[in-house]
Amino acid sequence: MNQGERLVLRKCIECGREIRIKQSYNTHISDWEDIEMRVCADCWKGARENERD
């Protein structure tokens, strides 16, 4: 089976807002796995700003 990538809805691990996460099919485990972090853009931006301080 030739599976590509797909987008699924997941909740941000910081604020709980629903975001789209890219998944890829892993043939070794015959299941889909997340290939992006489960953090929304606002939480990511806030973490980057806090890192600079």
PDB file of N, CA and C in Angstrom:
ATOM      1  N   MET A   1       0.837  -1.158   0.000  1.00  0.00           N
ATOM      2  CA  MET A   1       0.000   0.000   0.000  1.00  0.00           C
ATOM      3  C   MET A   1       0.898   1.243   0.000  1.00  0.00           C
ATOM      4  N   ASN A   2       0.701   2.110  -0.953  1.00  0.00           N
ATOM      5  CA  ASN A   2       1.525   3.304  -1.068  1.00  0.00           C
ATOM      6  C   ASN A   2       0.813   4.475  -0.405  1.00  0.00           C
ATOM      7  N   GLN A   3       1.103   4.708   0.857  1.00  0.00           N
ATOM      8  CA  GLN A   3       0.496   5.802   1.614  1.00  0.00           C
ATOM      9  C   GLN A   3       1.445   6.988   1.609  1.00  0.00           C
ATOM     10  N   GLY A   4       0.900   8.165   1.493  1.00  0.00           N
ATOM     11  CA  GLY A   4       1.698   9.381   1.530  1.00  0.00           C
ATOM     12  C   GLY A   4       1.603  10.049   2.879  1.00  0.00           C
ATOM     13  N   GLU A   5       1.201  11.301   2.857  1.00  0.00           N
ATOM     14  CA  GLU A   5       1.015  12.058   4.090  1.00  0.00           C
ATOM     15  C   GLU A   5      -0.436  12.500   4.181  1.00  0.00           C
ATOM     16  N   ARG A   6      -0.853  12.850   5.394  1.00  0.00           N
ATOM     17  CA  ARG A   6      -2.205  13.352   5.594  1.00  0.00           C
ATOM     18  C   ARG A   6      -2.182  14.350   6.743  1.00  0.00           C
ATOM     19  N   LEU A   7      -3.240  15.159   6.813  1.00  0.00           N
ATOM     20  CA  LEU A   7      -3.409  16.107   7.903  1.00  0.00           C
ATOM     21  C   LEU A   7      -4.540  15.627   8.802  1.00  0.00           C
ATOM     22  N   VAL A   8      -4.321  15.689  10.097  1.00  0.00           N
ATOM     23  CA  VAL A   8      -5.344  15.309  11.073  1.00  0.00           C
ATOM     24  C   VAL A   8      -5.465  16.416  12.117  1.00  0.00           C
ATOM     25  N   LEU A   9      -6.599  16.471  12.779  1.00  0.00           N
ATOM     26  CA  LEU A   9      -6.807  17.441  13.850  1.00  0.00           C
ATOM     27  C   LEU A   9      -6.326  16.856  15.170  1.00  0.00           C
ATOM     28  N   ARG A  10      -5.514  17.610  15.862  1.00  0.00           N
ATOM     29  CA  ARG A  10      -5.021  17.248  17.195  1.00  0.00           C
ATOM     30  C   ARG A  10      -5.120  18.480  18.072  1.00  0.00           C
ATOM     31  N   LYS A  11      -5.010  18.310  19.371  1.00  0.00           N
ATOM     32  CA  LYS A  11      -5.023  19.439  20.291  1.00  0.00           C
ATOM     33  C   LYS A  11      -3.591  19.853  20.616  1.00  0.00           C
ATOM     34  N   CYS A  12      -3.392  21.167  20.697  1.00  0.00           N
ATOM     35  CA  CYS A  12      -2.094  21.716  21.088  1.00  0.00           C
ATOM     36  C   CYS A  12      -1.781  21.252  22.507  1.00  0.00           C
ATOM     37  N   ILE A  13      -0.561  20.835  22.751  1.00  0.00           N
ATOM     38  CA  ILE A  13      -0.207  20.327  24.077  1.00  0.00           C
ATOM     39  C   ILE A  13      -0.064  21.449  25.104  1.00  0.00           C
ATOM     40  N   GLU A  14       0.023  22.702  24.648  1.00  0.00           N
ATOM     41  CA  GLU A  14       0.146  23.832  25.559  1.00  0.00           C
ATOM     42  C   GLU A  14      -1.209  24.431  25.923  1.00  0.00           C
ATOM     43  N   CYS A  15      -2.008  24.792  24.902  1.00  0.00           N
ATOM     44  CA  CYS A  15      -3.250  25.532  25.161  1.00  0.00           C
ATOM     45  C   CYS A  15      -4.520  24.734  24.886  1.00  0.00           C
ATOM     46  N   GLY A  16      -4.428  23.608  24.189  1.00  0.00           N
ATOM     47  CA  GLY A  16      -5.601  22.775  23.935  1.00  0.00           C
ATOM     48  C   GLY A  16      -6.383  23.137  22.686  1.00  0.00           C
ATOM     49  N   ARG A  17      -5.937  24.146  21.928  1.00  0.00           N
ATOM     50  CA  ARG A  17      -6.625  24.522  20.698  1.00  0.00           C
ATOM     51  C   ARG A  17      -6.411  23.445  19.631  1.00  0.00           C
ATOM     52  N   GLU A  18      -7.436  23.208  18.790  1.00  0.00           N
ATOM     53  CA  GLU A  18      -7.291  22.209  17.731  1.00  0.00           C
ATOM     54  C   GLU A  18      -6.438  22.765  16.598  1.00  0.00           C
ATOM     55  N   ILE A  19      -5.474  21.981  16.158  1.00  0.00           N
ATOM     56  CA  ILE A  19      -4.579  22.363  15.068  1.00  0.00           C
ATOM     57  C   ILE A  19      -4.431  21.185  14.110  1.00  0.00           C
ATOM     58  N   ARG A  20      -3.962  21.467  12.924  1.00  0.00           N
ATOM     59  CA  ARG A  20      -3.725  20.411  11.938  1.00  0.00           C
ATOM     60  C   ARG A  20      -2.276  19.930  12.054  1.00  0.00           C
ATOM     61  N   ILE A  21      -2.120  18.629  12.147  1.00  0.00           N
ATOM     62  CA  ILE A  21      -0.813  17.994  12.282  1.00  0.00           C
ATOM     63  C   ILE A  21      -0.593  17.068  11.093  1.00  0.00           C
ATOM     64  N   LYS A  22       0.614  17.115  10.524  1.00  0.00           N
ATOM     65  CA  LYS A  22       0.949  16.242   9.408  1.00  0.00           C
ATOM     66  C   LYS A  22       1.357  14.872   9.936  1.00  0.00           C
ATOM     67  N   GLN A  23       0.831  13.831   9.297  1.00  0.00           N
ATOM     68  CA  GLN A  23       1.189  12.457   9.645  1.00  0.00           C
ATOM     69  C   GLN A  23       1.736  11.742   8.418  1.00  0.00           C
ATOM     70  N   SER A  24       2.562  10.764   8.670  1.00  0.00           N
ATOM     71  CA  SER A  24       3.120   9.927   7.613  1.00  0.00           C
ATOM     72  C   SER A  24       2.849   8.467   7.969  1.00  0.00           C
ATOM     73  N   TYR A  25       2.647   7.646   6.944  1.00  0.00           N
ATOM     74  CA  TYR A  25       2.381   6.230   7.191  1.00  0.00           C
ATOM     75  C   TYR A  25       3.697   5.498   7.384  1.00  0.00           C
ATOM     76  N   ASN A  26       3.832   4.810   8.506  1.00  0.00           N
ATOM     77  CA  ASN A  26       5.031   4.048   8.831  1.00  0.00           C
ATOM     78  C   ASN A  26       4.760   2.581   8.500  1.00  0.00           C
ATOM     79  N   THR A  27       5.436   2.069   7.482  1.00  0.00           N
ATOM     80  CA  THR A  27       5.201   0.693   7.046  1.00  0.00           C
ATOM     81  C   THR A  27       5.752  -0.336   8.033  1.00  0.00           C
ATOM     82  N   HIS A  28       6.692   0.050   8.886  1.00  0.00           N
ATOM     83  CA  HIS A  28       7.265  -0.889   9.851  1.00  0.00           C
ATOM     84  C   HIS A  28       6.274  -1.244  10.956  1.00  0.00           C
ATOM     85  N   ILE A  29       5.454  -0.274  11.331  1.00  0.00           N
ATOM     86  CA  ILE A  29       4.459  -0.539  12.374  1.00  0.00           C
ATOM     87  C   ILE A  29       3.040  -0.594  11.807  1.00  0.00           C
ATOM     88  N   SER A  30       2.908  -0.397  10.502  1.00  0.00           N
ATOM     89  CA  SER A  30       1.611  -0.420   9.799  1.00  0.00           C
ATOM     90  C   SER A  30       0.590   0.521  10.435  1.00  0.00           C
ATOM     91  N   ASP A  31       1.039   1.747  10.706  1.00  0.00           N
ATOM     92  CA  ASP A  31       0.156   2.729  11.320  1.00  0.00           C
ATOM     93  C   ASP A  31       0.663   4.131  10.990  1.00  0.00           C
ATOM     94  N   TRP A  32      -0.196   5.129  11.223  1.00  0.00           N
ATOM     95  CA  TRP A  32       0.156   6.516  11.003  1.00  0.00           C
ATOM     96  C   TRP A  32       0.888   7.063  12.216  1.00  0.00           C
ATOM     97  N   GLU A  33       1.879   7.957  11.995  1.00  0.00           N
ATOM     98  CA  GLU A  33       2.572   8.603  13.099  1.00  0.00           C
ATOM     99  C   GLU A  33       2.737  10.087  12.801  1.00  0.00           C
ATOM    100  N   ASP A  34       2.706  10.903  13.862  1.00  0.00           N
ATOM    101  CA  ASP A  34       2.863  12.345  13.723  1.00  0.00           C
ATOM    102  C   ASP A  34       4.297  12.666  13.319  1.00  0.00           C
ATOM    103  N   ILE A  35       4.437  13.615  12.378  1.00  0.00           N
ATOM    104  CA  ILE A  35       5.777  14.035  11.974  1.00  0.00           C
ATOM    105  C   ILE A  35       5.981  15.523  12.227  1.00  0.00           C
ATOM    106  N   GLU A  36       5.023  16.168  12.900  1.00  0.00           N
ATOM    107  CA  GLU A  36       5.152  17.558  13.298  1.00  0.00           C
ATOM    108  C   GLU A  36       4.872  17.653  14.793  1.00  0.00           C
ATOM    109  N   MET A  37       5.393  18.712  15.400  1.00  0.00           N
ATOM    110  CA  MET A  37       5.134  18.929  16.822  1.00  0.00           C
ATOM    111  C   MET A  37       3.690  19.334  17.037  1.00  0.00           C
ATOM    112  N   ARG A  38       3.125  18.951  18.166  1.00  0.00           N
ATOM    113  CA  ARG A  38       1.732  19.253  18.474  1.00  0.00           C
ATOM    114  C   ARG A  38       1.635  20.544  19.280  1.00  0.00           C
ATOM    115  N   VAL A  39       2.219  21.628  18.725  1.00  0.00           N
ATOM    116  CA  VAL A  39       2.189  22.941  19.348  1.00  0.00           C
ATOM    117  C   VAL A  39       1.681  23.939  18.323  1.00  0.00           C
ATOM    118  N   CYS A  40       0.683  24.761  18.693  1.00  0.00           N
ATOM    119  CA  CYS A  40       0.139  25.736  17.744  1.00  0.00           C
ATOM    120  C   CYS A  40       1.139  26.874  17.525  1.00  0.00           C
ATOM    121  N   ALA A  41       0.902  27.663  16.511  1.00  0.00           N
ATOM    122  CA  ALA A  41       1.821  28.749  16.141  1.00  0.00           C
ATOM    123  C   ALA A  41       1.944  29.789  17.247  1.00  0.00           C
ATOM    124  N   ASP A  42       0.846  30.101  17.935  1.00  0.00           N
ATOM    125  CA  ASP A  42       0.898  31.099  19.004  1.00  0.00           C
ATOM    126  C   ASP A  42       1.749  30.620  20.177  1.00  0.00           C
ATOM    127  N   CYS A  43       1.586  29.367  20.580  1.00  0.00           N
ATOM    128  CA  CYS A  43       2.392  28.820  21.684  1.00  0.00           C
ATOM    129  C   CYS A  43       3.855  28.706  21.270  1.00  0.00           C
ATOM    130  N   TRP A  44       4.105  28.345  20.026  1.00  0.00           N
ATOM    131  CA  TRP A  44       5.481  28.239  19.525  1.00  0.00           C
ATOM    132  C   TRP A  44       6.142  29.611  19.547  1.00  0.00           C
ATOM    133  N   LYS A  45       5.400  30.631  19.085  1.00  0.00           N
ATOM    134  CA  LYS A  45       5.941  31.994  19.066  1.00  0.00           C
ATOM    135  C   LYS A  45       6.224  32.473  20.486  1.00  0.00           C
ATOM    136  N   GLY A  46       5.321  32.193  21.422  1.00  0.00           N
ATOM    137  CA  GLY A  46       5.519  32.589  22.812  1.00  0.00           C
ATOM    138  C   GLY A  46       6.733  31.925  23.435  1.00  0.00           C
ATOM    139  N   ALA A  47       6.949  30.666  23.110  1.00  0.00           N
ATOM    140  CA  ALA A  47       8.111  29.944  23.643  1.00  0.00           C
ATOM    141  C   ALA A  47       9.401  30.520  23.076  1.00  0.00           C
ATOM    142  N   ARG A  48       9.397  30.877  21.798  1.00  0.00           N
ATOM    143  CA  ARG A  48      10.582  31.459  21.165  1.00  0.00           C
ATOM    144  C   ARG A  48      10.904  32.832  21.766  1.00  0.00           C
ATOM    145  N   GLU A  49       9.867  33.638  22.070  1.00  0.00           N
ATOM    146  CA  GLU A  49      10.083  34.952  22.665  1.00  0.00           C
ATOM    147  C   GLU A  49      10.631  34.820  24.081  1.00  0.00           C
ATOM    148  N   ASN A  50      10.117  33.848  24.852  1.00  0.00           N
ATOM    149  CA  ASN A  50      10.612  33.624  26.212  1.00  0.00           C
ATOM    150  C   ASN A  50      12.043  33.124  26.207  1.00  0.00           C
ATOM    151  N   GLU A  51      12.421  32.417  25.171  1.00  0.00           N
ATOM    152  CA  GLU A  51      13.764  31.880  25.052  1.00  0.00           C
ATOM    153  C   GLU A  51      14.784  33.004  24.898  1.00  0.00           C
ATOM    154  N   ARG A  52      14.379  34.091  24.214  1.00  0.00           N
ATOM    155  CA  ARG A  52      15.283  35.221  23.981  1.00  0.00           C
ATOM    156  C   ARG A  52      15.557  36.023  25.251  1.00  0.00           C
ATOM    157  N   ASP A  53      14.601  36.018  26.178  1.00  0.00           N
ATOM    158  CA  ASP A  53      14.747  36.837  27.406  1.00  0.00           C
ATOM    159  C   ASP A  53      15.790  36.295  28.330  1.00  0.00           C
TER     160      ASP A  53
END
